[in-house]
Each structure stands twice: as structure tokens, then as C-alpha cells.
Protein backbone atom coordinates (compact mmCIF):
# COMPACT_ATOMS: atom_id res chain seq x y z
CA UNK A 1 -0.01 0.00 0.00
CA UNK A 2 1.04 3.60 -0.48
CA UNK A 3 1.75 6.11 2.25
CA UNK A 4 1.89 9.43 0.47
CA UNK A 5 3.73 8.74 -2.77
CA UNK A 6 5.78 5.78 -1.49
CA UNK A 7 4.87 2.11 -1.40
CA UNK A 8 5.33 0.37 1.94
CA UNK A 9 5.03 -3.10 3.29
CA UNK A 10 4.49 -3.32 7.04
CA UNK A 11 7.84 -5.08 7.65
CA UNK A 12 11.03 -5.42 5.60
CA UNK A 13 14.70 -6.32 5.98
CA UNK A 14 16.77 -3.34 7.10
CA UNK A 15 19.79 -2.04 5.23
CA UNK A 16 22.16 -3.83 7.62
CA UNK A 17 20.88 -7.18 6.34
CA UNK A 18 20.08 -8.54 9.80
CA UNK A 19 17.56 -6.23 11.52
CA UNK A 20 14.03 -5.55 10.35
CA UNK A 21 12.31 -2.23 9.86
CA UNK A 22 8.64 -2.10 10.73
CA UNK A 23 5.82 0.38 11.09
CA UNK A 24 5.18 1.03 14.78
CA UNK A 25 1.39 1.00 14.67
CA UNK A 26 0.92 2.29 18.20
CA UNK A 27 1.27 5.87 16.95
CA UNK A 28 -1.15 5.73 14.05
CA UNK A 29 -3.11 7.55 12.74
CA UNK A 30 -1.44 10.67 14.10
CA UNK A 31 2.22 9.80 13.56
CA UNK A 32 3.82 7.46 11.00
CA UNK A 33 6.88 5.95 12.66
CA UNK A 34 9.32 3.35 11.39
CA UNK A 35 11.51 1.52 13.90
CA UNK A 36 14.39 -0.94 13.50
CA UNK A 37 14.44 -4.09 15.61
CA UNK A 38 17.52 -6.28 15.77
CA UNK A 39 17.14 -8.66 18.73
CA UNK A 40 14.91 -11.55 19.69
CA UNK A 41 13.75 -9.65 22.78
CA UNK A 42 12.93 -6.63 20.63
CA UNK A 43 10.85 -8.77 18.28
CA UNK A 44 9.02 -10.30 21.24
CA UNK A 45 8.27 -6.84 22.62
CA UNK A 46 7.06 -5.62 19.22
CA UNK A 47 4.58 -8.50 19.03
CA UNK A 48 3.47 -8.50 22.68
CA UNK A 49 3.05 -4.73 22.94
CA UNK A 50 1.37 -4.50 19.53
CA UNK A 51 3.84 -2.43 17.61
CA UNK A 52 2.75 -4.96 15.02
CA UNK A 53 -0.56 -6.81 15.17
CA UNK A 54 -2.85 -8.91 13.05
CA UNK A 55 -2.35 -12.66 12.77
CA UNK A 56 -0.51 -12.73 9.41
CA UNK A 57 1.88 -9.91 10.32
CA UNK A 58 2.56 -11.44 13.73
CA UNK A 59 3.59 -14.65 11.99
CA UNK A 60 5.93 -12.87 9.55
CA UNK A 61 7.46 -10.81 12.35
CA UNK A 62 8.09 -13.97 14.36
CA UNK A 63 9.73 -15.60 11.34
CA UNK A 64 12.13 -12.69 11.09
CA UNK A 65 12.68 -12.99 14.83
CA UNK A 66 13.92 -16.54 14.36
CA UNK A 67 16.22 -15.31 11.60
CA UNK A 68 17.60 -12.61 13.89
CA UNK A 69 18.31 -15.27 16.50
CA UNK A 70 20.61 -17.11 14.09
CA UNK A 71 22.93 -14.09 13.91
CA UNK A 72 24.15 -14.62 17.48
CA UNK A 73 23.41 -18.30 18.12
CA UNK A 74 21.90 -20.76 15.67
CA UNK A 75 22.22 -23.86 17.84
CA UNK A 76 19.27 -26.17 18.44
CA UNK A 77 19.03 -25.00 22.05
CA UNK A 78 19.00 -21.33 21.06
CA UNK A 79 16.40 -21.84 18.34
CA UNK A 80 14.08 -23.73 20.66
CA UNK A 81 14.45 -21.03 23.31
CA UNK A 82 13.63 -18.38 20.68
CA UNK A 83 10.58 -20.40 19.62
CA UNK A 84 9.30 -20.41 23.20
CA UNK A 85 10.01 -16.69 23.73
CA UNK A 86 8.09 -15.72 20.63
CA UNK A 87 5.28 -18.24 20.96
CA UNK A 88 4.21 -16.99 24.37
CA UNK A 89 3.78 -13.38 23.18
CA UNK A 90 0.30 -13.80 21.61
CA UNK A 91 -1.28 -17.21 22.30
CA UNK A 92 -4.46 -16.87 20.23
CA UNK A 93 -3.12 -16.05 16.75
CA UNK A 94 -2.35 -19.36 15.05
CA UNK A 95 -0.17 -17.78 12.34
CA UNK A 96 2.43 -17.18 15.04
CA UNK A 97 2.85 -20.88 15.76
CA UNK A 98 2.58 -21.76 12.07
CA UNK A 99 5.41 -19.41 11.12
CA UNK A 100 7.61 -20.48 14.02
CA UNK A 101 7.15 -24.13 13.10
CA UNK A 102 7.87 -23.40 9.44
CA UNK A 103 11.14 -21.81 10.45
CA UNK A 104 12.10 -24.73 12.69
CA UNK A 105 11.28 -27.25 9.97
CA UNK A 106 13.63 -25.38 7.64
CA UNK A 107 16.48 -24.78 10.10
CA UNK A 108 16.85 -27.80 12.35
CA UNK A 109 17.83 -30.28 9.60
CA UNK A 110 20.65 -27.96 8.44
CA UNK A 111 24.22 -27.67 9.76
CA UNK A 112 24.50 -24.77 12.17
CA UNK A 113 26.74 -22.76 9.83
CA UNK A 114 24.09 -22.82 7.08
CA UNK A 115 21.16 -21.74 9.23
CA UNK A 116 21.57 -17.97 9.12
CA UNK A 117 21.27 -17.64 5.35
CA UNK A 118 18.46 -20.18 5.23
CA UNK A 119 16.57 -18.40 8.01
CA UNK A 120 16.53 -15.02 6.27
CA UNK A 121 15.57 -16.65 2.99
CA UNK A 122 12.68 -18.56 4.59
CA UNK A 123 11.40 -15.49 6.47
CA UNK A 124 11.40 -13.52 3.20
CA UNK A 125 9.49 -16.35 1.52
CA UNK A 126 6.86 -16.32 4.26
CA UNK A 127 6.47 -12.54 3.83
CA UNK A 128 6.12 -12.82 0.06
CA UNK A 129 3.68 -15.70 0.43
CA UNK A 130 1.49 -13.58 2.69
CA UNK A 131 1.23 -10.90 0.00
CA UNK A 132 0.27 -13.48 -2.61
CA UNK A 133 -2.33 -15.12 -0.35
CA UNK A 134 -3.95 -11.79 0.45
CA UNK A 135 -4.13 -10.70 -3.17
CA UNK A 136 -5.85 -13.97 -4.06
CA UNK A 137 -8.31 -13.47 -1.20
CA UNK A 138 -8.98 -10.07 -2.71
CA UNK A 139 -9.70 -11.58 -6.13
CA UNK A 140 -12.22 -14.08 -4.76
CA UNK A 141 -13.86 -11.50 -2.50
CA UNK A 142 -14.07 -9.08 -5.40
CA UNK A 143 -16.44 -11.46 -7.19
CA UNK A 144 -18.81 -11.28 -4.20
CA UNK A 145 -18.72 -7.49 -4.25
CA UNK A 146 -19.36 -7.49 -8.00
CA UNK A 147 -22.47 -9.62 -7.54
CA UNK A 148 -23.84 -7.29 -4.87
CA UNK A 149 -22.96 -4.23 -6.98
CA UNK A 150 -25.01 -5.67 -9.85
CA UNK A 151 -28.12 -5.50 -7.65
CA UNK A 152 -27.66 -1.84 -6.69
CA UNK A 153 -29.18 1.15 -8.40
CA UNK A 154 -26.90 3.13 -10.68
CA UNK A 155 -24.43 5.11 -8.59
CA UNK A 156 -25.30 3.40 -5.30
CA UNK A 157 -22.26 2.00 -3.49
CA UNK A 158 -21.89 -1.44 -1.95
CA UNK A 159 -21.96 -0.72 1.79
CA UNK A 160 -19.51 -2.92 3.69
CA UNK A 161 -19.10 -3.15 7.46
CA UNK A 162 -15.71 -4.06 8.90
CA UNK A 163 -14.57 -4.81 12.44
CA UNK A 164 -11.10 -4.24 13.89
CA UNK A 165 -8.29 -3.98 11.35
CA UNK A 166 -7.81 -6.85 8.94
CA UNK A 167 -6.17 -4.55 6.45
CA UNK A 168 -2.73 -3.90 5.04
CA UNK A 169 -1.49 -3.06 8.54
CA UNK A 170 -2.50 -6.51 9.82
CA UNK A 171 -0.57 -8.29 7.07
CA UNK A 172 2.46 -7.62 4.91
CA UNK A 173 0.35 -6.02 2.17
CA UNK A 174 -3.26 -5.84 0.86
CA UNK A 175 -4.89 -7.16 4.04
CA UNK A 176 -7.38 -10.00 4.32
CA UNK A 177 -10.83 -8.46 4.83
CA UNK A 178 -9.76 -5.27 3.03
CA UNK A 179 -8.16 -6.91 -0.02
CA UNK A 180 -11.53 -7.32 -1.81
CA UNK A 181 -12.39 -3.70 -0.95
CA UNK A 182 -9.14 -2.35 -2.37
CA UNK A 183 -9.47 -4.41 -5.55
CA UNK A 184 -13.08 -3.30 -5.95
CA UNK A 185 -12.05 0.34 -5.61
CA UNK A 186 -9.28 -0.19 -8.16
CA UNK A 187 -11.82 -1.79 -10.52
CA UNK A 188 -14.01 1.31 -10.34
CA UNK A 189 -16.78 -0.32 -8.29
CA UNK A 190 -18.49 2.11 -5.93
CA UNK A 191 -17.94 0.95 -2.35
CA UNK A 192 -18.47 2.58 1.00
CA UNK A 193 -17.05 1.14 4.21
CA UNK A 194 -18.57 1.49 7.67
CA UNK A 195 -15.59 1.22 10.01
CA UNK A 196 -16.22 -0.07 13.53
CA UNK A 197 -14.08 1.86 16.00
CA UNK A 198 -13.30 -1.49 17.71
CA UNK A 199 -12.84 -0.88 21.38
CA UNK A 200 -10.79 -1.26 23.44
CA UNK A 201 -7.72 -0.56 21.28
CA UNK A 202 -9.65 1.24 18.54
CA UNK A 203 -7.91 -0.51 15.65
CA UNK A 204 -10.81 0.41 13.40
CA UNK A 205 -10.76 4.09 14.26
CA UNK A 206 -7.00 4.39 14.30
CA UNK A 207 -5.88 1.93 11.62
CA UNK A 208 -8.64 0.90 9.24
CA UNK A 209 -9.93 4.45 8.88
CA UNK A 210 -6.37 5.65 8.26
CA UNK A 211 -5.93 2.99 5.57
CA UNK A 212 -9.22 3.85 3.87
CA UNK A 213 -8.42 7.56 3.88
CA UNK A 214 -4.97 6.95 2.44
CA UNK A 215 -6.35 4.71 -0.30
CA UNK A 216 -9.20 7.07 -1.14
CA UNK A 217 -11.96 4.63 -0.20
CA UNK A 218 -15.19 6.34 0.95
CA UNK A 219 -15.80 5.38 4.57
CA UNK A 220 -17.59 6.37 7.75
CA UNK A 221 -16.37 5.70 11.28
CA UNK A 222 -19.05 4.34 13.63
CA UNK A 223 -19.14 3.24 17.25
CA UNK A 224 -19.17 -0.53 17.71
CA UNK A 225 -22.77 -0.60 18.89
CA UNK A 226 -24.11 1.10 15.76
CA UNK A 227 -23.61 -1.89 13.47
CA UNK A 228 -26.81 -3.69 14.38
CA UNK A 229 -28.83 -0.51 14.01
CA UNK A 230 -27.47 0.08 10.51
CA UNK A 231 -28.25 -3.51 9.52
CA UNK A 232 -31.84 -3.13 10.73
CA UNK A 233 -32.17 -0.05 8.53
CA UNK A 234 -30.88 -1.87 5.45
CA UNK A 235 -27.73 0.26 5.32
CA UNK A 236 -25.28 -2.67 5.23
CA UNK A 237 -24.93 -4.96 2.20
CA UNK A 238 -22.25 -7.25 3.62
CA UNK A 239 -19.87 -7.70 6.52
CA UNK A 240 -16.23 -8.69 6.00
CA UNK A 241 -13.95 -9.40 8.96
CA UNK A 242 -10.61 -11.09 9.47
CA UNK A 243 -9.63 -13.90 11.79
CA UNK A 244 -6.81 -14.78 14.16
CA UNK A 245 -7.64 -18.48 14.20
CA UNK A 246 -10.30 -20.53 12.43
CA UNK A 247 -11.05 -24.12 13.36
CA UNK A 248 -11.21 -27.07 10.99
CA UNK A 249 -15.01 -26.92 11.16
CA UNK A 250 -15.27 -23.17 10.41
CA UNK A 251 -15.60 -21.52 13.83
CA UNK A 252 -13.96 -18.10 13.64
CA UNK A 253 -11.92 -16.52 16.43
CA UNK A 254 -11.42 -12.81 15.87
CA UNK A 255 -11.24 -9.50 17.68
CA UNK A 256 -13.72 -9.13 20.55
CA UNK A 257 -17.07 -7.92 19.24
CA UNK A 258 -17.01 -9.94 16.04
CA UNK A 259 -19.56 -12.41 17.43
CA UNK A 260 -22.04 -9.61 18.08
CA UNK A 261 -21.70 -8.41 14.48
CA UNK A 262 -22.33 -11.94 13.25
CA UNK A 263 -25.46 -12.22 15.38
CA UNK A 264 -26.81 -8.93 14.07
CA UNK A 265 -25.98 -9.90 10.49
CA UNK A 266 -27.71 -13.26 10.88
CA UNK A 267 -30.84 -11.66 12.36
CA UNK A 268 -31.06 -9.17 9.50
CA UNK A 269 -30.13 -11.43 6.60
CA UNK A 270 -26.85 -9.63 5.92
CA UNK A 271 -24.06 -11.82 4.44
CA UNK A 272 -21.20 -12.27 6.90
CA UNK A 273 -17.83 -13.17 5.32
CA UNK A 274 -14.40 -13.84 6.76
CA UNK A 275 -11.13 -13.14 4.91
CA UNK A 276 -9.09 -16.22 5.65
CA UNK A 277 -5.52 -17.03 4.54
CA UNK A 278 -4.98 -20.76 4.99
CA UNK A 279 -2.15 -20.43 7.58
CA UNK A 280 -4.86 -19.03 9.88
CA UNK A 281 -6.73 -22.36 9.83
CA UNK A 282 -5.95 -24.55 12.84
CA UNK A 283 -6.60 -28.03 11.47
CA UNK A 284 -6.04 -29.54 14.94
CA UNK A 285 -8.98 -27.70 16.55
CA UNK A 286 -12.64 -28.54 15.93
CA UNK A 287 -14.50 -26.57 18.62
CA UNK A 288 -13.62 -22.92 18.80
CA UNK A 289 -15.56 -22.27 21.99
CA UNK A 290 -13.68 -24.82 24.09
CA UNK A 291 -10.32 -25.34 22.37
CA UNK A 292 -9.05 -21.87 21.44
CA UNK A 293 -7.26 -19.97 24.22
CA UNK A 294 -8.63 -16.44 24.54
CA UNK A 295 -5.93 -13.91 25.34
CA UNK A 296 -6.69 -11.75 28.37
CA UNK A 297 -4.88 -8.46 28.01
CA UNK A 298 -4.28 -5.65 30.48
CA UNK A 299 -7.30 -3.78 31.79
CA UNK A 300 -5.41 -0.58 31.10
CA UNK A 301 -6.33 -0.99 27.43
CA UNK A 302 -9.96 -0.57 28.50
CA UNK A 303 -9.48 2.18 31.06
CA UNK A 304 -6.95 4.25 29.14
CA UNK A 305 -7.19 5.58 25.57
CA UNK A 306 -4.68 7.30 23.29
CA UNK A 307 -5.61 10.38 21.36
CA UNK A 308 -4.48 13.68 19.92
CA UNK A 309 -5.30 16.85 21.80
CA UNK A 310 -6.32 20.15 20.24
CA UNK A 311 -2.74 21.33 20.72
CA UNK A 312 -1.43 18.37 18.71
CA UNK A 313 -0.04 16.37 21.63
CA UNK A 314 -0.45 12.58 21.41
CA UNK A 315 -1.29 11.45 24.92
CA UNK A 316 -3.11 8.84 26.97
CA UNK A 317 -6.09 9.63 29.23
CA UNK A 318 -8.16 7.63 31.69
CA UNK A 319 -11.89 7.28 30.95
CA UNK A 320 -12.96 5.31 34.05
CA UNK A 321 -12.70 5.78 37.81
CA UNK A 322 -9.25 5.04 39.22
CA UNK A 323 -10.72 2.38 41.49
CA UNK A 324 -12.72 0.49 38.83
CA UNK A 325 -11.16 -2.77 37.62
CA UNK A 326 -11.48 -3.65 33.94
CA UNK A 327 -11.61 -7.01 32.14
CA UNK A 328 -10.12 -7.28 28.68
CA UNK A 329 -10.75 -10.49 26.72
CA UNK A 330 -9.10 -9.73 23.37
CA UNK A 331 -11.05 -12.18 21.17
CA UNK A 332 -14.35 -13.99 20.84
CA UNK A 333 -15.51 -16.96 18.79
CA UNK A 334 -18.17 -16.78 16.08
CA UNK A 335 -19.76 -20.22 15.49
CA UNK A 336 -19.60 -21.51 11.92
CA UNK A 337 -23.41 -21.46 11.66
CA UNK A 338 -23.30 -17.64 11.62
CA UNK A 339 -20.70 -17.38 8.83
CA UNK A 340 -21.89 -17.04 5.24
CA UNK A 341 -18.53 -17.95 3.74
CA UNK A 342 -14.80 -18.11 4.28
CA UNK A 343 -12.91 -16.20 1.59
CA UNK A 344 -9.61 -18.06 1.16
CA UNK A 345 -6.81 -17.82 -1.37
CA UNK A 346 -8.32 -20.83 -3.17
CA UNK A 347 -11.90 -19.61 -3.28
CA UNK A 348 -14.91 -19.12 -1.02
CA UNK A 349 -15.59 -22.04 1.30
CA UNK A 350 -18.68 -22.92 3.25
CA UNK A 351 -17.91 -22.52 6.96
CA UNK A 352 -17.80 -26.22 7.72
CA UNK A 353 -15.36 -29.10 7.80
CA UNK A 354 -16.63 -30.28 4.42
CA UNK A 355 -16.46 -26.80 2.94
CA UNK A 356 -12.85 -26.29 4.00
CA UNK A 357 -11.76 -29.74 2.91
CA UNK A 358 -13.31 -29.17 -0.50
CA UNK A 359 -10.75 -26.39 -1.05
CA UNK A 360 -7.93 -28.02 0.94
CA UNK A 361 -8.31 -31.75 0.26
CA UNK A 362 -4.72 -32.43 1.29
CA UNK A 363 -5.83 -31.77 4.90
CA UNK A 364 -8.31 -34.66 4.85
């Protein structure tokens, strides 16, 4: 995606050939900052403290973290310790474990002196693969948008509701849920995006809205609780969200609040789609409600919010009483029965074991 007149990915190899440069998303939309990270602890901090976020980008960042580890110590013991350090940073997003395992499968069979070059090559491959997967998701999702557009009156846009940020900033490029939107805009199809603010971290307000504005996509920011109201009024044509982990039977774990959007969509007959790169499918899990660990993050993310003051200062303020505790489950699970379709890089699957296996028969 472009920022101003320059194309950016969210993460890339730095000029020194060992560190990575990444967009520190904590400061968006008010400040665009690029930071260099060159240690395994730095990578772990970047993932845990959400300098980077979104399941695909977390996985790519972790892959580069394993590569960085090989610079100082590429032994089996060091690699396994790095795996553990990175894996514990964000337990819900399955791409993290997938990428770490992919790196270990590449590195462990090799002699120690060959691991550094192989690690950086494999991390780059994982990053490039993410871009390809997301573009293909965009192509398949574009066909859905085209069909809806064909039913609209001349000049009327396809109104799409999103939740959280499953955009370019959550991946290496294109995004998952946003890829069909960007391709539709490029194809000249009129679209309008309703952007959920997505409390508590406001990734919709701060990140998705920033992406849409930068790409020139018409959009409107709404509070999370407005989605159902808009669906009742016929203002939403479809919902597209991302996912941090999807089970083998089509249950979708995503940012907290996704389940409520799916319920409202189901009650109002609004199609509810999930942008789903295949590394986000956990083929070992079949019941999202009981088998997926839900990350509990700090209550400060609920009680404190970042913003820009009238004077231009970026600061954090408290919105609740000092004595009030806050709970912060980061994800919820949407049962497969509420999902219209899973938009994968291979096509649109029914949200079921049979539907997924039809597109990924090698997993049967």
C-alpha cells in the first residue's frame, strides 16, 4: 500500500541485512513511525506490545525474529528457546505458531553454519507468500462485491461493514478483509465502508480508517454498537472481517465484538464473510468455543485511551474511575453457523469441515 507517494510493506529487511524495519502501529493515525528491531527480545516486545498486530503480520514478524536469532546463536538449544520466547507473546493467533514451526522445519535439519542464510531466505518467503495469499483473497472477495454491486441502483455503493483492522497493517500487504475492498475500488466499483471503532484498542478508528483515507476509499467511522442498528435499517450490504484463528469446522476466532456483528448480520439477513488465509486455519482444533485460548490483556487498554489533543499532543487519558477494575478479553468466537462464507486464497468455502476440505483436500 502507499503512504503518500511511497509504497510500503508493514515489515522489511533493514539495510544492515540482519535487523528488520517495521511500522510502529501504536502511533497511528497521528504519527507514521518506522523503527528498527535487531534482537529476539525486541521482536518479542514488538509483538506482545502490539507495535505490530494482526495474525498474518505477527507470523511474519516472528519468522524474522527466528532469523535474527541465528545471527548470534543458531544452535538447536537457542532456536528452541527463541521459539518459546516468541510463541508466548500472543497465544491466540495461530499464524504465530505456524510461522515459528515453518522456520524450525527449515532450520533444524541444516548444519548450524548454514542456518543464518536459510533463516533469512525462509522469512522472506513467508512474507512474500502472505502478500500473494492476500491478493488472491482479494480476487475471490471481489467477485462477491461485484455480484452485490449488480443489484444496486446506478451510482449506489456497496456498503460494507468491517470490524477491527484486517487490512494492510495486519498483514504484509493488501490485508485480508480489506483486499476485496481495495481491488473493488481499483476496478471502479463504488464501495463505502462502515468502520467499527473497535474498542478497546480502537484498531478500526486508528488503523482501518487511516488505511481507507490513504487509499481514497469512501468510509464512515461508527461506534461498535451502531452496526446492528445500521443492519436493521438496510444500510449494510455485507460484513467482512478477518480472523486470528479458524477451526477445521469453520468456527472463527477474531477481535472481541465480532460475534455480536455476526449475530446482528444473521438476524437481519446480511451476508457475513471472513477473509481467511490458509495459515490461519488450525486443522487440529474442531471446537472454537472450548479449544481456542482467549488472550486476556491488560485492563489498562480498556481504562486508558490514546488520542491527539487540540494542541497536537499525542497522549493517553483515563476514561474510568481510578478504582474500577477492567476485564479485557481480546477475542471472541463466532460459530460456523453464523458465517456465510470463508474467503480463502483458493476460493470461497462454506464454513464447515466439508467446505474447507473441499478447497484443501490435502488436509483430509
